[in-house]
Amino acid sequence: MLTFSRKQFAAFESAAAGQWDRETALTLLELYPAHMKALGASTDEVAKFVRAVRDYALAYGITAKSETFKMVVVGVSLGAHFPHDPRFHQLITKTLAQTAFPQDERLTWFTRGIERWLGATWTGEGLDVKGARLVARVQARQPAHATFDKLVTQSPTIATPARRQAFLQACNAHAEGYGLHDLQRRIAYTGAALIHGIYWYDDPLLHRLRHAFERSADPDDLCAGMTTFYEGFD
């Protein structure tokens, strides 16, 4: 009689999950070809992105493939690490975190809330326009407080002082952790977080933008790299 150990079962499960991640990555590349091309994302990088979101889904008891896929699609807009984003804390607490309810209901509540957020935040402007505006903010070299205020007005969901402070504190801490110590880089990092989501530096889909930061010698060089990146979304 053929038998399997727990270790073998775990290996089978991991292989199946990896296959789903890759298949889902291929689906995303087919659904959003222009967006993925502009990001410069490979199949492997998209699969890593899928895995990151799937891990978050599991943490909230989301296990059905259809519901997990919905979270992955949401992640394309909000960033791979959106469950950590202070802008969505209240919504997640009231929806995904309510594990006593069926997962499909929780995903419905959550996606409806995200649709409202996207409608209020994204006013028909593409990433090329938002990116160009961010570059202009960095080039202006205005005082930090004024610059951050102007960046925050682009995201209505953190208009309240508490959410604004939580988001800015998180971004400043992350920027320091990534070695982005000078003011202009921190402003650029925070502005990119408003567009692409919290912890965007570790988002597998955003390696090209991260490289623009890492390869830049000074703020002007950084702005040139960011401009090149965002021009790809026209």
C-alpha atoms as a PDB file:
ATOM      1  CA  MET A   1       0.000   0.000   0.000  1.00  0.00           C
ATOM      2  CA  LEU A   2       1.324   3.444  -0.961  1.00  0.00           C
ATOM      3  CA  THR A   3       1.583   5.821   1.986  1.00  0.00           C
ATOM      4  CA  PHE A   4       2.737   9.411   2.420  1.00  0.00           C
ATOM      5  CA  SER A   5       4.354  11.202   5.315  1.00  0.00           C
ATOM      6  CA  ARG A   6       3.272  14.605   6.637  1.00  0.00           C
ATOM      7  CA  LYS A   7       6.394  16.056   5.062  1.00  0.00           C
ATOM      8  CA  GLN A   8       5.406  14.649   1.676  1.00  0.00           C
ATOM      9  CA  PHE A   9       1.871  16.007   2.002  1.00  0.00           C
ATOM     10  CA  ALA A  10       3.324  19.419   2.862  1.00  0.00           C
ATOM     11  CA  ALA A  11       5.543  19.231  -0.217  1.00  0.00           C
ATOM     12  CA  PHE A  12       2.550  18.319  -2.402  1.00  0.00           C
ATOM     13  CA  GLU A  13       0.560  21.245  -0.988  1.00  0.00           C
ATOM     14  CA  SER A  14       3.439  23.646  -1.530  1.00  0.00           C
ATOM     15  CA  ALA A  15       3.877  22.491  -5.127  1.00  0.00           C
ATOM     16  CA  ALA A  16       0.158  22.912  -5.816  1.00  0.00           C
ATOM     17  CA  ALA A  17       0.183  26.399  -4.294  1.00  0.00           C
ATOM     18  CA  GLY A  18       3.225  27.335  -6.357  1.00  0.00           C
ATOM     19  CA  GLN A  19       1.510  26.134  -9.502  1.00  0.00           C
ATOM     20  CA  TRP A  20      -1.565  28.240  -8.668  1.00  0.00           C
ATOM     21  CA  ASP A  21       0.641  31.272  -8.076  1.00  0.00           C
ATOM     22  CA  ARG A  22       2.232  30.888 -11.497  1.00  0.00           C
ATOM     23  CA  GLU A  23      -1.070  30.226 -13.266  1.00  0.00           C
ATOM     24  CA  THR A  24      -2.565  33.287 -11.598  1.00  0.00           C
ATOM     25  CA  ALA A  25       0.480  35.320 -12.612  1.00  0.00           C
ATOM     26  CA  LEU A  26      -0.067  34.334 -16.242  1.00  0.00           C
ATOM     27  CA  THR A  27      -3.721  35.321 -15.908  1.00  0.00           C
ATOM     28  CA  LEU A  28      -2.746  38.758 -14.599  1.00  0.00           C
ATOM     29  CA  LEU A  29      -0.300  39.231 -17.460  1.00  0.00           C
ATOM     30  CA  GLU A  30      -3.129  38.465 -19.886  1.00  0.00           C
ATOM     31  CA  LEU A  31      -5.655  40.699 -18.098  1.00  0.00           C
ATOM     32  CA  TYR A  32      -3.363  43.723 -17.706  1.00  0.00           C
ATOM     33  CA  PRO A  33      -0.749  43.467 -20.503  1.00  0.00           C
ATOM     34  CA  ALA A  34      -0.027  47.207 -20.849  1.00  0.00           C
ATOM     35  CA  HIS A  35       0.207  47.769 -17.094  1.00  0.00           C
ATOM     36  CA  MET A  36       2.488  44.786 -16.541  1.00  0.00           C
ATOM     37  CA  LYS A  37       4.665  45.790 -19.481  1.00  0.00           C
ATOM     38  CA  ALA A  38       5.084  49.296 -18.062  1.00  0.00           C
ATOM     39  CA  LEU A  39       6.043  47.785 -14.706  1.00  0.00           C
ATOM     40  CA  GLY A  40       8.569  45.551 -16.450  1.00  0.00           C
ATOM     41  CA  ALA A  41       7.304  42.609 -14.408  1.00  0.00           C
ATOM     42  CA  SER A  42       8.361  39.090 -15.381  1.00  0.00           C
ATOM     43  CA  THR A  43       6.213  36.009 -14.831  1.00  0.00           C
ATOM     44  CA  ASP A  44       8.354  35.043 -11.830  1.00  0.00           C
ATOM     45  CA  GLU A  45       7.979  38.487 -10.277  1.00  0.00           C
ATOM     46  CA  VAL A  46       4.221  38.467 -10.766  1.00  0.00           C
ATOM     47  CA  ALA A  47       4.101  34.989  -9.203  1.00  0.00           C
ATOM     48  CA  LYS A  48       6.006  36.331  -6.162  1.00  0.00           C
ATOM     49  CA  PHE A  49       3.474  39.139  -5.944  1.00  0.00           C
ATOM     50  CA  VAL A  50       0.609  36.614  -6.071  1.00  0.00           C
ATOM     51  CA  ARG A  51       2.207  34.566  -3.321  1.00  0.00           C
ATOM     52  CA  ALA A  52       2.610  37.626  -1.095  1.00  0.00           C
ATOM     53  CA  VAL A  53      -1.085  38.493  -1.401  1.00  0.00           C
ATOM     54  CA  ARG A  54      -2.111  34.830  -1.015  1.00  0.00           C
ATOM     55  CA  ASP A  55      -0.208  34.681   2.275  1.00  0.00           C
ATOM     56  CA  TYR A  56      -2.175  37.694   3.522  1.00  0.00           C
ATOM     57  CA  ALA A  57      -5.401  36.050   2.381  1.00  0.00           C
ATOM     58  CA  LEU A  58      -4.576  32.935   4.409  1.00  0.00           C
ATOM     59  CA  ALA A  59      -3.960  35.093   7.479  1.00  0.00           C
ATOM     60  CA  TYR A  60      -7.593  36.243   7.226  1.00  0.00           C
ATOM     61  CA  GLY A  61      -8.934  32.755   6.608  1.00  0.00           C
ATOM     62  CA  ILE A  62      -9.425  33.369   2.886  1.00  0.00           C
ATOM     63  CA  THR A  63      -8.710  30.001   1.282  1.00  0.00           C
ATOM     64  CA  ALA A  64     -11.093  29.665  -1.690  1.00  0.00           C
ATOM     65  CA  LYS A  65      -9.299  30.218  -4.987  1.00  0.00           C
ATOM     66  CA  SER A  66     -11.984  32.566  -6.288  1.00  0.00           C
ATOM     67  CA  GLU A  67     -11.836  34.787  -3.194  1.00  0.00           C
ATOM     68  CA  THR A  68      -8.043  34.717  -3.099  1.00  0.00           C
ATOM     69  CA  PHE A  69      -7.978  35.791  -6.734  1.00  0.00           C
ATOM     70  CA  LYS A  70     -10.159  38.778  -5.847  1.00  0.00           C
ATOM     71  CA  MET A  71      -7.624  39.829  -3.225  1.00  0.00           C
ATOM     72  CA  VAL A  72      -4.827  39.454  -5.756  1.00  0.00           C
ATOM     73  CA  VAL A  73      -6.651  41.734  -8.210  1.00  0.00           C
ATOM     74  CA  VAL A  74      -7.196  44.277  -5.431  1.00  0.00           C
ATOM     75  CA  GLY A  75      -3.476  44.072  -4.707  1.00  0.00           C
ATOM     76  CA  VAL A  76      -2.661  45.146  -8.256  1.00  0.00           C
ATOM     77  CA  SER A  77      -4.287  48.497  -7.423  1.00  0.00           C
ATOM     78  CA  LEU A  78      -3.418  48.842  -3.724  1.00  0.00           C
ATOM     79  CA  GLY A  79      -0.016  47.163  -3.609  1.00  0.00           C
ATOM     80  CA  ALA A  80       1.109  43.729  -2.478  1.00  0.00           C
ATOM     81  CA  HIS A  81       1.170  44.712   1.203  1.00  0.00           C
ATOM     82  CA  PHE A  82      -2.128  46.602   1.418  1.00  0.00           C
ATOM     83  CA  PRO A  83      -3.239  44.783   4.614  1.00  0.00           C
ATOM     84  CA  HIS A  84      -0.545  46.818   6.434  1.00  0.00           C
ATOM     85  CA  ASP A  85      -1.594  50.138   4.912  1.00  0.00           C
ATOM     86  CA  PRO A  86      -3.029  52.529   7.556  1.00  0.00           C
ATOM     87  CA  ARG A  87      -5.419  53.888   4.927  1.00  0.00           C
ATOM     88  CA  PHE A  88      -7.302  50.589   4.872  1.00  0.00           C
ATOM     89  CA  HIS A  89      -7.063  49.590   8.532  1.00  0.00           C
ATOM     90  CA  GLN A  90     -10.633  50.519   9.421  1.00  0.00           C
ATOM     91  CA  LEU A  91     -12.117  48.866   6.326  1.00  0.00           C
ATOM     92  CA  ILE A  92     -10.150  45.655   6.829  1.00  0.00           C
ATOM     93  CA  THR A  93     -11.121  45.530  10.502  1.00  0.00           C
ATOM     94  CA  LYS A  94     -14.801  45.726   9.558  1.00  0.00           C
ATOM     95  CA  THR A  95     -14.625  43.229   6.677  1.00  0.00           C
ATOM     96  CA  LEU A  96     -11.753  40.785   6.195  1.00  0.00           C
ATOM     97  CA  ALA A  97     -11.035  40.548   9.916  1.00  0.00           C
ATOM     98  CA  GLN A  98     -14.624  39.489  10.717  1.00  0.00           C
ATOM     99  CA  THR A  99     -13.726  35.808  10.456  1.00  0.00           C
ATOM    100  CA  ALA A 100     -17.026  34.634  11.961  1.00  0.00           C
ATOM    101  CA  PHE A 101     -18.627  35.416   8.601  1.00  0.00           C
ATOM    102  CA  PRO A 102     -18.175  33.408   5.374  1.00  0.00           C
ATOM    103  CA  GLN A 103     -15.176  34.442   3.334  1.00  0.00           C
ATOM    104  CA  ASP A 104     -17.177  35.291   0.222  1.00  0.00           C
ATOM    105  CA  GLU A 105     -19.311  37.758   2.193  1.00  0.00           C
ATOM    106  CA  ARG A 106     -16.242  39.377   3.730  1.00  0.00           C
ATOM    107  CA  LEU A 107     -14.625  39.762   0.306  1.00  0.00           C
ATOM    108  CA  THR A 108     -17.803  41.337  -1.048  1.00  0.00           C
ATOM    109  CA  TRP A 109     -17.874  43.890   1.785  1.00  0.00           C
ATOM    110  CA  PHE A 110     -14.188  44.598   1.349  1.00  0.00           C
ATOM    111  CA  THR A 111     -14.202  45.016  -2.428  1.00  0.00           C
ATOM    112  CA  ARG A 112     -17.223  47.326  -2.246  1.00  0.00           C
ATOM    113  CA  GLY A 113     -15.334  49.525   0.186  1.00  0.00           C
ATOM    114  CA  ILE A 114     -12.264  49.510  -2.054  1.00  0.00           C
ATOM    115  CA  GLU A 115     -14.375  50.458  -5.063  1.00  0.00           C
ATOM    116  CA  ARG A 116     -15.607  53.498  -3.157  1.00  0.00           C
ATOM    117  CA  TRP A 117     -12.063  54.374  -2.128  1.00  0.00           C
ATOM    118  CA  LEU A 118     -10.740  54.075  -5.669  1.00  0.00           C
ATOM    119  CA  GLY A 119     -13.614  56.206  -6.941  1.00  0.00           C
ATOM    120  CA  ALA A 120     -12.762  58.954  -4.457  1.00  0.00           C
ATOM    121  CA  THR A 121      -8.987  58.766  -4.907  1.00  0.00           C
ATOM    122  CA  TRP A 122      -8.401  58.056  -8.580  1.00  0.00           C
ATOM    123  CA  THR A 123     -10.117  60.726 -10.626  1.00  0.00           C
ATOM    124  CA  GLY A 124      -9.402  59.348 -14.079  1.00  0.00           C
ATOM    125  CA  GLU A 125      -5.746  60.363 -14.091  1.00  0.00           C
ATOM    126  CA  GLY A 126      -3.264  57.732 -15.171  1.00  0.00           C
ATOM    127  CA  LEU A 127      -0.058  56.766 -13.424  1.00  0.00           C
ATOM    128  CA  ASP A 128       1.869  58.911 -15.890  1.00  0.00           C
ATOM    129  CA  VAL A 129       0.052  62.033 -14.655  1.00  0.00           C
ATOM    130  CA  LYS A 130       0.272  61.139 -10.967  1.00  0.00           C
ATOM    131  CA  GLY A 131       3.921  60.205 -11.348  1.00  0.00           C
ATOM    132  CA  ALA A 132       4.751  63.475 -13.108  1.00  0.00           C
ATOM    133  CA  ARG A 133       3.045  65.405 -10.303  1.00  0.00           C
ATOM    134  CA  LEU A 134       5.094  63.538  -7.715  1.00  0.00           C
ATOM    135  CA  VAL A 135       8.337  64.277  -9.570  1.00  0.00           C
ATOM    136  CA  ALA A 136       7.382  67.952  -9.655  1.00  0.00           C
ATOM    137  CA  ARG A 137       6.883  67.903  -5.866  1.00  0.00           C
ATOM    138  CA  VAL A 138      10.329  66.401  -5.368  1.00  0.00           C
ATOM    139  CA  GLN A 139      11.964  68.888  -7.751  1.00  0.00           C
ATOM    140  CA  ALA A 140      10.314  71.847  -6.015  1.00  0.00           C
ATOM    141  CA  ARG A 141      12.443  71.269  -2.900  1.00  0.00           C
ATOM    142  CA  GLN A 142       9.870  72.896  -0.652  1.00  0.00           C
ATOM    143  CA  PRO A 143       9.820  72.472   3.150  1.00  0.00           C
ATOM    144  CA  ALA A 144       8.913  68.941   4.227  1.00  0.00           C
ATOM    145  CA  HIS A 145       5.673  69.876   6.017  1.00  0.00           C
ATOM    146  CA  ALA A 146       4.263  71.774   3.032  1.00  0.00           C
ATOM    147  CA  THR A 147       5.284  69.060   0.591  1.00  0.00           C
ATOM    148  CA  PHE A 148       3.767  66.248   2.629  1.00  0.00           C
ATOM    149  CA  ASP A 149       0.551  68.235   3.036  1.00  0.00           C
ATOM    150  CA  LYS A 150       0.264  68.630  -0.719  1.00  0.00           C
ATOM    151  CA  LEU A 151       0.942  64.929  -1.276  1.00  0.00           C
ATOM    152  CA  VAL A 152      -1.646  63.893   1.301  1.00  0.00           C
ATOM    153  CA  THR A 153      -4.403  65.925  -0.342  1.00  0.00           C
ATOM    154  CA  GLN A 154      -4.166  63.504  -3.247  1.00  0.00           C
ATOM    155  CA  SER A 155      -5.450  60.693  -1.017  1.00  0.00           C
ATOM    156  CA  PRO A 156      -8.797  61.620   0.627  1.00  0.00           C
ATOM    157  CA  THR A 157      -8.848  58.546   2.861  1.00  0.00           C
ATOM    158  CA  ILE A 158      -6.033  59.917   5.023  1.00  0.00           C
ATOM    159  CA  ALA A 159      -7.378  63.442   5.228  1.00  0.00           C
ATOM    160  CA  THR A 160      -8.124  62.978   8.935  1.00  0.00           C
ATOM    161  CA  PRO A 161      -5.179  63.929  11.187  1.00  0.00           C
ATOM    162  CA  ALA A 162      -4.901  60.494  12.814  1.00  0.00           C
ATOM    163  CA  ARG A 163      -4.714  58.550   9.556  1.00  0.00           C
ATOM    164  CA  ARG A 164      -2.437  61.131   7.998  1.00  0.00           C
ATOM    165  CA  GLN A 165      -0.053  60.942  10.928  1.00  0.00           C
ATOM    166  CA  ALA A 166      -0.088  57.129  10.947  1.00  0.00           C
ATOM    167  CA  PHE A 167       0.669  56.956   7.238  1.00  0.00           C
ATOM    168  CA  LEU A 168       3.437  59.563   7.312  1.00  0.00           C
ATOM    169  CA  GLN A 169       5.065  58.025  10.381  1.00  0.00           C
ATOM    170  CA  ALA A 170       5.002  54.587   8.759  1.00  0.00           C
ATOM    171  CA  CYS A 171       6.494  55.909   5.521  1.00  0.00           C
ATOM    172  CA  ASN A 172       9.232  57.849   7.318  1.00  0.00           C
ATOM    173  CA  ALA A 173      10.165  54.759   9.328  1.00  0.00           C
ATOM    174  CA  HIS A 174      10.219  52.583   6.224  1.00  0.00           C
ATOM    175  CA  ALA A 175      12.296  55.118   4.278  1.00  0.00           C
ATOM    176  CA  GLU A 176      14.864  55.244   7.079  1.00  0.00           C
ATOM    177  CA  GLY A 177      14.923  51.454   7.162  1.00  0.00           C
ATOM    178  CA  TYR A 178      15.624  51.342   3.444  1.00  0.00           C
ATOM    179  CA  GLY A 179      18.482  53.827   3.810  1.00  0.00           C
ATOM    180  CA  LEU A 180      16.611  56.756   2.268  1.00  0.00           C
ATOM    181  CA  HIS A 181      17.877  59.359   4.697  1.00  0.00           C
ATOM    182  CA  ASP A 182      17.814  62.641   2.810  1.00  0.00           C
ATOM    183  CA  LEU A 183      14.612  64.681   2.628  1.00  0.00           C
ATOM    184  CA  GLN A 184      14.025  64.507  -1.122  1.00  0.00           C
ATOM    185  CA  ARG A 185      14.260  60.715  -1.183  1.00  0.00           C
ATOM    186  CA  ARG A 186      11.876  60.424   1.749  1.00  0.00           C
ATOM    187  CA  ILE A 187       9.421  62.744   0.013  1.00  0.00           C
ATOM    188  CA  ALA A 188       9.707  60.674  -3.168  1.00  0.00           C
ATOM    189  CA  TYR A 189       9.279  57.436  -1.222  1.00  0.00           C
ATOM    190  CA  THR A 190       6.188  58.726   0.604  1.00  0.00           C
ATOM    191  CA  GLY A 191       4.636  60.035  -2.578  1.00  0.00           C
ATOM    192  CA  ALA A 192       5.217  56.695  -4.270  1.00  0.00           C
ATOM    193  CA  ALA A 193       3.612  54.956  -1.283  1.00  0.00           C
ATOM    194  CA  LEU A 194       0.494  57.080  -1.766  1.00  0.00           C
ATOM    195  CA  ILE A 195       0.349  55.899  -5.374  1.00  0.00           C
ATOM    196  CA  HIS A 196       1.531  52.296  -5.102  1.00  0.00           C
ATOM    197  CA  GLY A 197       0.841  51.295  -1.508  1.00  0.00           C
ATOM    198  CA  ILE A 198       2.648  50.829   1.767  1.00  0.00           C
ATOM    199  CA  TYR A 199       5.931  48.867   1.741  1.00  0.00           C
ATOM    200  CA  TRP A 200       6.067  49.375  -2.025  1.00  0.00           C
ATOM    201  CA  TYR A 201       9.849  48.981  -1.896  1.00  0.00           C
ATOM    202  CA  ASP A 202       9.261  45.273  -1.219  1.00  0.00           C
ATOM    203  CA  ASP A 203       6.491  44.840  -3.796  1.00  0.00           C
ATOM    204  CA  PRO A 204       7.746  42.379  -6.471  1.00  0.00           C
ATOM    205  CA  LEU A 205       5.891  44.353  -9.149  1.00  0.00           C
ATOM    206  CA  LEU A 206       7.763  47.582  -8.407  1.00  0.00           C
ATOM    207  CA  HIS A 207      11.385  46.521  -8.757  1.00  0.00           C
ATOM    208  CA  ARG A 208      11.920  48.962 -11.649  1.00  0.00           C
ATOM    209  CA  LEU A 209      10.852  51.945  -9.540  1.00  0.00           C
ATOM    210  CA  ARG A 210      12.982  50.738  -6.634  1.00  0.00           C
ATOM    211  CA  HIS A 211      15.982  50.514  -8.951  1.00  0.00           C
ATOM    212  CA  ALA A 212      15.429  54.170  -9.896  1.00  0.00           C
ATOM    213  CA  PHE A 213      15.913  55.021  -6.201  1.00  0.00           C
ATOM    214  CA  GLU A 214      18.850  52.690  -5.643  1.00  0.00           C
ATOM    215  CA  ARG A 215      20.780  53.742  -8.754  1.00  0.00           C
ATOM    216  CA  SER A 216      20.327  57.492  -8.349  1.00  0.00           C
ATOM    217  CA  ALA A 217      23.304  59.563  -7.291  1.00  0.00           C
ATOM    218  CA  ASP A 218      21.343  62.670  -6.275  1.00  0.00           C
ATOM    219  CA  PRO A 219      17.759  64.046  -6.282  1.00  0.00           C
ATOM    220  CA  ASP A 220      18.021  65.176  -9.905  1.00  0.00           C
ATOM    221  CA  ASP A 221      19.142  61.711 -10.944  1.00  0.00           C
ATOM    222  CA  LEU A 222      16.283  60.210  -8.938  1.00  0.00           C
ATOM    223  CA  CYS A 223      13.738  62.479 -10.627  1.00  0.00           C
ATOM    224  CA  ALA A 224      15.087  61.501 -14.032  1.00  0.00           C
ATOM    225  CA  GLY A 225      14.722  57.814 -13.186  1.00  0.00           C
ATOM    226  CA  MET A 226      11.212  58.283 -11.815  1.00  0.00           C
ATOM    227  CA  THR A 227      10.219  60.266 -14.902  1.00  0.00           C
ATOM    228  CA  THR A 228      11.410  57.444 -17.140  1.00  0.00           C
ATOM    229  CA  PHE A 229       9.462  54.931 -15.076  1.00  0.00           C
ATOM    230  CA  TYR A 230       6.171  56.851 -15.078  1.00  0.00           C
ATOM    231  CA  GLU A 231       6.380  57.792 -18.755  1.00  0.00           C
ATOM    232  CA  GLY A 232       5.940  54.113 -19.506  1.00  0.00           C
ATOM    233  CA  PHE A 233       2.304  54.318 -18.385  1.00  0.00           C
ATOM    234  CA  ASP A 234       1.100  56.854 -20.963  1.00  0.00           C
END
